[in-house]
Protein backbone atom coordinates (compact mmCIF):
# COMPACT_ATOMS: atom_id res chain seq x y z
CA UNK A 1 10.52 -8.50 -8.85
CA UNK A 2 7.18 -7.31 -7.46
CA UNK A 3 6.53 -5.34 -4.31
CA UNK A 4 3.39 -5.44 -2.19
CA UNK A 5 3.14 -2.17 -0.31
CA UNK A 6 0.99 -0.52 2.32
CA UNK A 7 0.43 3.22 2.40
CA UNK A 8 -0.99 5.23 5.27
CA UNK A 9 -2.56 8.68 5.26
CA UNK A 10 -2.11 10.12 8.75
CA UNK A 11 -4.24 13.15 7.92
CA UNK A 12 -7.25 10.99 6.99
CA UNK A 13 -6.41 7.78 8.94
CA UNK A 14 -6.74 5.68 5.78
CA UNK A 15 -4.73 2.74 4.46
CA UNK A 16 -4.09 1.54 0.93
CA UNK A 17 -2.67 -1.82 -0.19
CA UNK A 18 -1.25 -2.41 -3.65
CA UNK A 19 1.48 -4.12 -5.66
CA UNK A 20 3.86 -2.93 -8.32
CA UNK A 21 7.04 -3.73 -10.19
CA UNK A 22 8.35 -0.16 -9.70
CA UNK A 23 7.73 1.09 -6.17
CA UNK A 24 9.28 4.54 -6.51
CA UNK A 25 7.22 5.41 -9.58
CA UNK A 26 4.09 4.03 -7.96
CA UNK A 27 4.60 6.13 -4.83
CA UNK A 28 5.06 9.22 -7.00
CA UNK A 29 1.86 8.32 -8.80
CA UNK A 30 -0.09 8.08 -5.56
CA UNK A 31 1.31 11.29 -4.09
CA UNK A 32 1.97 13.55 -7.09
CA UNK A 33 0.89 12.53 -10.57
CA UNK A 34 -2.51 10.84 -10.35
CA UNK A 35 -5.50 13.07 -10.95
CA UNK A 36 -8.28 10.59 -10.17
CA UNK A 37 -8.93 7.55 -8.03
CA UNK A 38 -9.09 6.63 -4.35
CA UNK A 39 -5.59 7.70 -3.36
CA UNK A 40 -5.90 11.25 -4.74
CA UNK A 41 -8.49 12.14 -2.08
CA UNK A 42 -6.34 11.13 0.88
CA UNK A 43 -2.89 12.56 0.12
CA UNK A 44 -0.22 12.64 1.42
CA UNK A 45 0.61 8.94 1.72
CA UNK A 46 3.56 7.43 3.56
CA UNK A 47 4.96 3.97 2.95
CA UNK A 48 4.60 1.92 6.13
CA UNK A 49 5.24 -1.64 4.90
CA UNK A 50 6.62 -3.49 1.89
CA UNK A 51 7.28 -7.10 0.91
CA UNK A 52 9.12 -8.37 -2.17
CA UNK A 53 8.15 -11.32 -4.38
CA UNK A 54 9.66 -12.97 -7.43
CA UNK A 55 6.38 -13.44 -9.29
CA UNK A 56 3.27 -11.38 -9.94
CA UNK A 57 1.16 -14.31 -8.76
CA UNK A 58 2.84 -14.35 -5.34
CA UNK A 59 2.44 -10.59 -5.03
CA UNK A 60 -1.26 -10.61 -5.92
CA UNK A 61 -1.89 -13.43 -3.46
CA UNK A 62 -0.20 -11.47 -0.65
CA UNK A 63 -2.04 -8.28 -1.64
CA UNK A 64 -5.32 -10.17 -1.35
CA UNK A 65 -4.31 -11.47 2.09
CA UNK A 66 -3.47 -7.97 3.31
CA UNK A 67 -6.84 -6.70 2.07
CA UNK A 68 -8.67 -9.34 4.12
CA UNK A 69 -9.94 -8.67 7.64
CA UNK A 70 -6.92 -10.39 9.21
CA UNK A 71 -4.57 -8.53 6.88
CA UNK A 72 -6.07 -5.21 7.84
CA UNK A 73 -5.71 -6.13 11.52
CA UNK A 74 -2.00 -6.75 10.86
CA UNK A 75 -1.70 -3.36 9.14
CA UNK A 76 -3.46 -1.45 11.93
CA UNK A 77 -1.18 -3.14 14.48
CA UNK A 78 1.81 -1.89 12.47
CA UNK A 79 0.39 1.63 12.56
CA UNK A 80 -0.44 1.47 16.27
CA UNK A 81 3.10 0.28 17.11
CA UNK A 82 4.72 3.28 15.38
């Protein structure tokens, strides 16, 4: 199973969209273990949305949708409604 996830950094008002087969490890990577990359600069991250898929192909397609302009509108609406 693959999970498409959306992270939000309240402190920096940034979002991040990704996919993984191990969500807990990936969240730890974003918040604790990584030493380089985009997400290191904007810690801490909170999980605000997740969707599950049976195949990697489905997950990457949904990740791409969420990274589009319409996908980002959807994400910002989620944030604004919380």
